[in-house]
PDB file of N, CA and C in Angstrom:
ATOM      1  N   MET A   1     -35.935  54.640  73.692  1.00  0.00           N
ATOM      2  CA  MET A   1     -34.802  54.842  72.802  1.00  0.00           C
ATOM      3  C   MET A   1     -34.599  56.327  72.517  1.00  0.00           C
ATOM      4  N   ILE A   2     -35.686  57.012  72.164  1.00  0.00           N
ATOM      5  CA  ILE A   2     -35.594  58.455  71.906  1.00  0.00           C
ATOM      6  C   ILE A   2     -35.195  59.179  73.193  1.00  0.00           C
ATOM      7  N   PHE A   3     -35.751  58.718  74.317  1.00  0.00           N
ATOM      8  CA  PHE A   3     -35.423  59.331  75.598  1.00  0.00           C
ATOM      9  C   PHE A   3     -33.921  59.185  75.897  1.00  0.00           C
ATOM     10  N   ASN A   4     -33.386  58.006  75.655  1.00  0.00           N
ATOM     11  CA  ASN A   4     -31.945  57.784  75.859  1.00  0.00           C
ATOM     12  C   ASN A   4     -31.120  58.665  74.929  1.00  0.00           C
ATOM     13  N   TYR A   5     -31.598  58.827  73.709  1.00  0.00           N
ATOM     14  CA  TYR A   5     -30.910  59.681  72.738  1.00  0.00           C
ATOM     15  C   TYR A   5     -30.866  61.121  73.233  1.00  0.00           C
ATOM     16  N   ILE A   6     -32.007  61.604  73.742  1.00  0.00           N
ATOM     17  CA  ILE A   6     -32.082  62.984  74.252  1.00  0.00           C
ATOM     18  C   ILE A   6     -31.149  63.148  75.454  1.00  0.00           C
ATOM     19  N   ILE A   7     -31.164  62.174  76.355  1.00  0.00           N
ATOM     20  CA  ILE A   7     -30.295  62.248  77.532  1.00  0.00           C
ATOM     21  C   ILE A   7     -28.823  62.221  77.113  1.00  0.00           C
ATOM     22  N   SER A   8     -28.485  61.338  76.181  1.00  0.00           N
ATOM     23  CA  SER A   8     -27.088  61.261  75.753  1.00  0.00           C
ATOM     24  C   SER A   8     -26.654  62.550  75.056  1.00  0.00           C
ATOM     25  N   ARG A   9     -27.560  63.143  74.286  1.00  0.00           N
ATOM     26  CA  ARG A   9     -27.236  64.420  73.635  1.00  0.00           C
ATOM     27  C   ARG A   9     -27.022  65.510  74.678  1.00  0.00           C
ATOM     28  N   ARG A  10     -27.881  65.519  75.694  1.00  0.00           N
ATOM     29  CA  ARG A  10     -27.753  66.523  76.748  1.00  0.00           C
ATOM     30  C   ARG A  10     -26.444  66.329  77.519  1.00  0.00           C
ATOM     31  N   CYS A  11     -26.109  65.087  77.835  1.00  0.00           N
ATOM     32  CA  CYS A  11     -24.849  64.813  78.533  1.00  0.00           C
ATOM     33  C   CYS A  11     -23.661  65.234  77.672  1.00  0.00           C
ATOM     34  N   LEU A  12     -23.746  64.945  76.395  1.00  0.00           N
ATOM     35  CA  LEU A  12     -22.681  65.342  75.486  1.00  0.00           C
ATOM     36  C   LEU A  12     -22.548  66.859  75.451  1.00  0.00           C
ATOM     37  N   TYR A  13     -23.683  67.550  75.390  1.00  0.00           N
ATOM     38  CA  TYR A  13     -23.667  69.013  75.374  1.00  0.00           C
ATOM     39  C   TYR A  13     -23.052  69.559  76.663  1.00  0.00           C
ATOM     40  N   GLU A  14     -23.415  68.969  77.799  1.00  0.00           N
ATOM     41  CA  GLU A  14     -22.848  69.411  79.077  1.00  0.00           C
ATOM     42  C   GLU A  14     -21.341  69.171  79.132  1.00  0.00           C
ATOM     43  N   GLU A  15     -20.897  68.044  78.614  1.00  0.00           N
ATOM     44  CA  GLU A  15     -19.460  67.762  78.580  1.00  0.00           C
ATOM     45  C   GLU A  15     -18.729  68.741  77.665  1.00  0.00           C
ATOM     46  N   ILE A  16     -19.361  69.068  76.547  1.00  0.00           N
ATOM     47  CA  ILE A  16     -18.762  70.047  75.633  1.00  0.00           C
ATOM     48  C   ILE A  16     -18.637  71.397  76.328  1.00  0.00           C
ATOM     49  N   LEU A  17     -19.669  71.798  77.061  1.00  0.00           N
ATOM     50  CA  LEU A  17     -19.614  73.073  77.789  1.00  0.00           C
ATOM     51  C   LEU A  17     -18.519  73.057  78.856  1.00  0.00           C
ATOM     52  N   LYS A  18     -18.405  71.933  79.575  1.00  0.00           N
ATOM     53  CA  LYS A  18     -17.355  71.828  80.592  1.00  0.00           C
ATOM     54  C   LYS A  18     -15.970  71.910  79.952  1.00  0.00           C
ATOM     55  N   THR A  19     -15.815  71.205  78.841  1.00  0.00           N
ATOM     56  CA  THR A  19     -14.531  71.220  78.143  1.00  0.00           C
ATOM     57  C   THR A  19     -14.220  72.612  77.623  1.00  0.00           C
ATOM     58  N   LYS A  20     -15.239  73.275  77.085  1.00  0.00           N
ATOM     59  CA  LYS A  20     -15.053  74.643  76.582  1.00  0.00           C
ATOM     60  C   LYS A  20     -14.617  75.565  77.715  1.00  0.00           C
ATOM     61  N   GLU A  21     -15.261  75.447  78.862  1.00  0.00           N
ATOM     62  CA  GLU A  21     -14.905  76.283  80.011  1.00  0.00           C
ATOM     63  C   GLU A  21     -13.483  75.981  80.487  1.00  0.00           C
ATOM     64  N   LEU A  22     -13.118  74.706  80.499  1.00  0.00           N
ATOM     65  CA  LEU A  22     -11.773  74.323  80.903  1.00  0.00           C
ATOM     66  C   LEU A  22     -10.729  74.898  79.951  1.00  0.00           C
ATOM     67  N   VAL A  23     -10.987  74.796  78.658  1.00  0.00           N
ATOM     68  CA  VAL A  23     -10.057  75.338  77.665  1.00  0.00           C
ATOM     69  C   VAL A  23      -9.951  76.857  77.813  1.00  0.00           C
ATOM     70  N   GLN A  24     -11.073  77.526  78.035  1.00  0.00           N
ATOM     71  CA  GLN A  24     -11.045  78.979  78.225  1.00  0.00           C
ATOM     72  C   GLN A  24     -10.228  79.354  79.458  1.00  0.00           C
ATOM     73  N   ASN A  25     -10.375  78.588  80.533  1.00  0.00           N
ATOM     74  CA  ASN A  25      -9.599  78.862  81.747  1.00  0.00           C
ATOM     75  C   ASN A  25      -8.106  78.655  81.513  1.00  0.00           C
ATOM     76  N   ILE A  26      -7.768  77.603  80.766  1.00  0.00           N
ATOM     77  CA  ILE A  26      -6.354  77.349  80.460  1.00  0.00           C
ATOM     78  C   ILE A  26      -5.786  78.482  79.619  1.00  0.00           C
ATOM     79  N   ILE A  27      -6.529  78.900  78.596  1.00  0.00           N
ATOM     80  CA  ILE A  27      -6.068  79.994  77.733  1.00  0.00           C
ATOM     81  C   ILE A  27      -5.918  81.282  78.535  1.00  0.00           C
ATOM     82  N   TYR A  28      -6.878  81.567  79.406  1.00  0.00           N
ATOM     83  CA  TYR A  28      -6.795  82.767  80.243  1.00  0.00           C
ATOM     84  C   TYR A  28      -5.561  82.705  81.145  1.00  0.00           C
ATOM     85  N   SER A  29      -5.324  81.543  81.748  1.00  0.00           N
ATOM     86  CA  SER A  29      -4.169  81.384  82.632  1.00  0.00           C
ATOM     87  C   SER A  29      -2.864  81.581  81.870  1.00  0.00           C
ATOM     88  N   LEU A  30      -2.772  80.994  80.681  1.00  0.00           N
ATOM     89  CA  LEU A  30      -1.563  81.170  79.870  1.00  0.00           C
ATOM     90  C   LEU A  30      -1.383  82.626  79.462  1.00  0.00           C
ATOM     91  N   ASN A  31      -2.484  83.288  79.140  1.00  0.00           N
ATOM     92  CA  ASN A  31      -2.430  84.695  78.749  1.00  0.00           C
ATOM     93  C   ASN A  31      -1.930  85.552  79.911  1.00  0.00           C
ATOM     94  N   VAL A  32      -2.451  85.294  81.101  1.00  0.00           N
ATOM     95  CA  VAL A  32      -2.021  86.047  82.284  1.00  0.00           C
ATOM     96  C   VAL A  32      -0.536  85.805  82.552  1.00  0.00           C
ATOM     97  N   ARG A  33      -0.107  84.546  82.454  1.00  0.00           N
ATOM     98  CA  ARG A  33       1.309  84.243  82.699  1.00  0.00           C
ATOM     99  C   ARG A  33       2.200  84.902  81.656  1.00  0.00           C
ATOM    100  N   PHE A  34       1.761  84.888  80.394  1.00  0.00           N
ATOM    101  CA  PHE A  34       2.558  85.510  79.339  1.00  0.00           C
ATOM    102  C   PHE A  34       2.643  87.018  79.556  1.00  0.00           C
ATOM    103  N   ASN A  35       1.509  87.634  79.944  1.00  0.00           N
ATOM    104  CA  ASN A  35       1.520  89.076  80.216  1.00  0.00           C
ATOM    105  C   ASN A  35       2.432  89.402  81.395  1.00  0.00           C
ATOM    106  N   ASN A  36       2.403  88.564  82.430  1.00  0.00           N
ATOM    107  CA  ASN A  36       3.304  88.775  83.569  1.00  0.00           C
ATOM    108  C   ASN A  36       4.757  88.632  83.141  1.00  0.00           C
ATOM    109  N   PHE A  37       5.024  87.659  82.266  1.00  0.00           N
ATOM    110  CA  PHE A  37       6.378  87.454  81.754  1.00  0.00           C
ATOM    111  C   PHE A  37       6.850  88.688  80.995  1.00  0.00           C
ATOM    112  N   LEU A  38       5.995  89.220  80.111  1.00  0.00           N
ATOM    113  CA  LEU A  38       6.365  90.421  79.355  1.00  0.00           C
ATOM    114  C   LEU A  38       6.565  91.613  80.277  1.00  0.00           C
ATOM    115  N   THR A  39       5.692  91.742  81.271  1.00  0.00           N
ATOM    116  CA  THR A  39       5.824  92.837  82.229  1.00  0.00           C
ATOM    117  C   THR A  39       7.155  92.739  82.965  1.00  0.00           C
ATOM    118  N   ASN A  40       7.529  91.531  83.359  1.00  0.00           N
ATOM    119  CA  ASN A  40       8.809  91.351  84.057  1.00  0.00           C
ATOM    120  C   ASN A  40       9.986  91.687  83.155  1.00  0.00           C
ATOM    121  N   ILE A  41       9.906  91.305  81.891  1.00  0.00           N
ATOM    122  CA  ILE A  41      10.997  91.620  80.961  1.00  0.00           C
ATOM    123  C   ILE A  41      11.129  93.129  80.785  1.00  0.00           C
ATOM    124  N   PHE A  42      10.000  93.824  80.573  1.00  0.00           N
ATOM    125  CA  PHE A  42      10.060  95.272  80.387  1.00  0.00           C
ATOM    126  C   PHE A  42      10.532  95.976  81.653  1.00  0.00           C
ATOM    127  N   GLN A  43      10.136  95.463  82.805  1.00  0.00           N
ATOM    128  CA  GLN A  43      10.595  96.054  84.057  1.00  0.00           C
ATOM    129  C   GLN A  43      12.104  95.843  84.214  1.00  0.00           C
ATOM    130  N   PHE A  44      12.592  94.669  83.833  1.00  0.00           N
ATOM    131  CA  PHE A  44      14.035  94.396  83.872  1.00  0.00           C
ATOM    132  C   PHE A  44      14.781  95.358  82.964  1.00  0.00           C
ATOM    133  N   ILE A  45      14.254  95.562  81.760  1.00  0.00           N
ATOM    134  CA  ILE A  45      14.888  96.496  80.821  1.00  0.00           C
ATOM    135  C   ILE A  45      14.894  97.901  81.402  1.00  0.00           C
ATOM    136  N   LYS A  46      13.755  98.293  81.962  1.00  0.00           N
ATOM    137  CA  LYS A  46      13.631  99.650  82.493  1.00  0.00           C
ATOM    138  C   LYS A  46      14.555  99.874  83.687  1.00  0.00           C
ATOM    139  N   GLU A  47      14.667  98.884  84.556  1.00  0.00           N
ATOM    140  CA  GLU A  47      15.415  99.083  85.794  1.00  0.00           C
ATOM    141  C   GLU A  47      16.914  98.810  85.666  1.00  0.00           C
ATOM    142  N   LEU A  48      17.316  97.913  84.780  1.00  0.00           N
ATOM    143  CA  LEU A  48      18.735  97.548  84.724  1.00  0.00           C
ATOM    144  C   LEU A  48      19.418  97.940  83.423  1.00  0.00           C
ATOM    145  N   ILE A  49      18.840  97.557  82.321  1.00  0.00           N
ATOM    146  CA  ILE A  49      19.524  97.757  81.041  1.00  0.00           C
ATOM    147  C   ILE A  49      19.531  99.225  80.634  1.00  0.00           C
ATOM    148  N   LEU A  50      18.416  99.921  80.786  1.00  0.00           N
ATOM    149  CA  LEU A  50      18.351 101.325  80.384  1.00  0.00           C
ATOM    150  C   LEU A  50      19.343 102.196  81.159  1.00  0.00           C
ATOM    151  N   PRO A  51      19.414 102.106  82.484  1.00  0.00           N
ATOM    152  CA  PRO A  51      20.437 102.897  83.189  1.00  0.00           C
ATOM    153  C   PRO A  51      21.864 102.529  82.778  1.00  0.00           C
ATOM    154  N   ALA A  52      22.104 101.238  82.526  1.00  0.00           N
ATOM    155  CA  ALA A  52      23.446 100.832  82.087  1.00  0.00           C
ATOM    156  C   ALA A  52      23.779 101.453  80.739  1.00  0.00           C
ATOM    157  N   LEU A  53      22.819 101.486  79.830  1.00  0.00           N
ATOM    158  CA  LEU A  53      23.052 102.112  78.528  1.00  0.00           C
ATOM    159  C   LEU A  53      23.303 103.608  78.662  1.00  0.00           C
ATOM    160  N   ILE A  54      22.579 104.252  79.557  1.00  0.00           N
ATOM    161  CA  ILE A  54      22.780 105.689  79.779  1.00  0.00           C
ATOM    162  C   ILE A  54      24.187 105.941  80.320  1.00  0.00           C
ATOM    163  N   ILE A  55      24.620 105.111  81.268  1.00  0.00           N
ATOM    164  CA  ILE A  55      25.970 105.266  81.827  1.00  0.00           C
ATOM    165  C   ILE A  55      27.025 105.044  80.751  1.00  0.00           C
ATOM    166  N   LEU A  56      26.845 104.006  79.923  1.00  0.00           N
ATOM    167  CA  LEU A  56      27.802 103.762  78.838  1.00  0.00           C
ATOM    168  C   LEU A  56      27.834 104.918  77.850  1.00  0.00           C
ATOM    169  N   PHE A  57      26.683 105.492  77.554  1.00  0.00           N
ATOM    170  CA  PHE A  57      26.608 106.633  76.654  1.00  0.00           C
ATOM    171  C   PHE A  57      27.349 107.834  77.245  1.00  0.00           C
ATOM    172  N   LEU A  58      27.167 108.070  78.533  1.00  0.00           N
ATOM    173  CA  LEU A  58      27.875 109.172  79.189  1.00  0.00           C
ATOM    174  C   LEU A  58      29.387 108.942  79.187  1.00  0.00           C
ATOM    175  N   ILE A  59      29.815 107.707  79.417  1.00  0.00           N
ATOM    176  CA  ILE A  59      31.251 107.398  79.361  1.00  0.00           C
ATOM    177  C   ILE A  59      31.793 107.661  77.966  1.00  0.00           C
ATOM    178  N   LEU A  60      31.037 107.273  76.941  1.00  0.00           N
ATOM    179  CA  LEU A  60      31.456 107.518  75.560  1.00  0.00           C
ATOM    180  C   LEU A  60      31.597 109.008  75.284  1.00  0.00           C
ATOM    181  N   ILE A  61      30.648 109.799  75.748  1.00  0.00           N
ATOM    182  CA  ILE A  61      30.711 111.253  75.552  1.00  0.00           C
ATOM    183  C   ILE A  61      31.932 111.831  76.265  1.00  0.00           C
ATOM    184  N   LEU A  62      32.174 111.391  77.492  1.00  0.00           N
ATOM    185  CA  LEU A  62      33.340 111.888  78.233  1.00  0.00           C
ATOM    186  C   LEU A  62      34.642 111.517  77.537  1.00  0.00           C
ATOM    187  N   ARG A  63      34.730 110.322  76.979  1.00  0.00           N
ATOM    188  CA  ARG A  63      35.941 109.930  76.239  1.00  0.00           C
ATOM    189  C   ARG A  63      36.133 110.788  74.996  1.00  0.00           C
ATOM    190  N   LEU A  64      35.033 111.048  74.287  1.00  0.00           N
ATOM    191  CA  LEU A  64      35.139 111.897  73.095  1.00  0.00           C
ATOM    192  C   LEU A  64      35.592 113.303  73.468  1.00  0.00           C
ATOM    193  N   ILE A  65      35.060 113.826  74.568  1.00  0.00           N
ATOM    194  CA  ILE A  65      35.457 115.168  75.016  1.00  0.00           C
ATOM    195  C   ILE A  65      36.934 115.178  75.403  1.00  0.00           C
ATOM    196  N   SER A  66      37.374 114.144  76.119  1.00  0.00           N
ATOM    197  CA  SER A  66      38.787 114.118  76.536  1.00  0.00           C
ATOM    198  C   SER A  66      39.716 113.959  75.332  1.00  0.00           C
ATOM    199  N   LYS A  67      39.307 113.204  74.318  1.00  0.00           N
ATOM    200  CA  LYS A  67      40.131 113.085  73.109  1.00  0.00           C
ATOM    201  C   LYS A  67      40.226 114.415  72.383  1.00  0.00           C
ATOM    202  N   LYS A  68      39.115 115.150  72.331  1.00  0.00           N
ATOM    203  CA  LYS A  68      39.138 116.470  71.680  1.00  0.00           C
ATOM    204  C   LYS A  68      40.053 117.418  72.434  1.00  0.00           C
ATOM    205  N   ASN A  69      40.006 117.370  73.758  1.00  0.00           N
ATOM    206  CA  ASN A  69      40.868 118.239  74.559  1.00  0.00           C
ATOM    207  C   ASN A  69      42.340 117.905  74.342  1.00  0.00           C
ATOM    208  N   LYS A  70      42.663 116.619  74.201  1.00  0.00           N
ATOM    209  CA  LYS A  70      44.058 116.226  73.956  1.00  0.00           C
ATOM    210  C   LYS A  70      44.518 116.683  72.579  1.00  0.00           C
ATOM    211  N   GLN A  71      43.614 116.639  71.598  1.00  0.00           N
ATOM    212  CA  GLN A  71      43.983 117.044  70.237  1.00  0.00           C
ATOM    213  C   GLN A  71      44.207 118.550  70.151  1.00  0.00           C
ATOM    214  N   THR A  72      43.463 119.334  70.900  1.00  0.00           N
ATOM    215  CA  THR A  72      43.602 120.789  70.831  1.00  0.00           C
ATOM    216  C   THR A  72      44.852 121.277  71.554  1.00  0.00           C
ATOM    217  N   LYS A  73      45.411 120.479  72.464  1.00  0.00           N
ATOM    218  CA  LYS A  73      46.612 120.919  73.213  1.00  0.00           C
ATOM    219  C   LYS A  73      47.847 120.808  72.420  1.00  0.00           C
TER     220      LYS A  73
END
């Protein structure tokens, strides 16, 4: 009876360790995917949105300059 108890405790402990390792692997995988997702978003911002904002800013400056030139004439 005691022997069965010890074996069952050991099996339970091994299952807990396996489950813990599985949960850690899942968390690591989700963390890696989330980091990749954030990296992709920042790369998208850097490559597409930032240049578009710079171009829009330059267009705004050119319009302001042209309006000033029209007012001075």
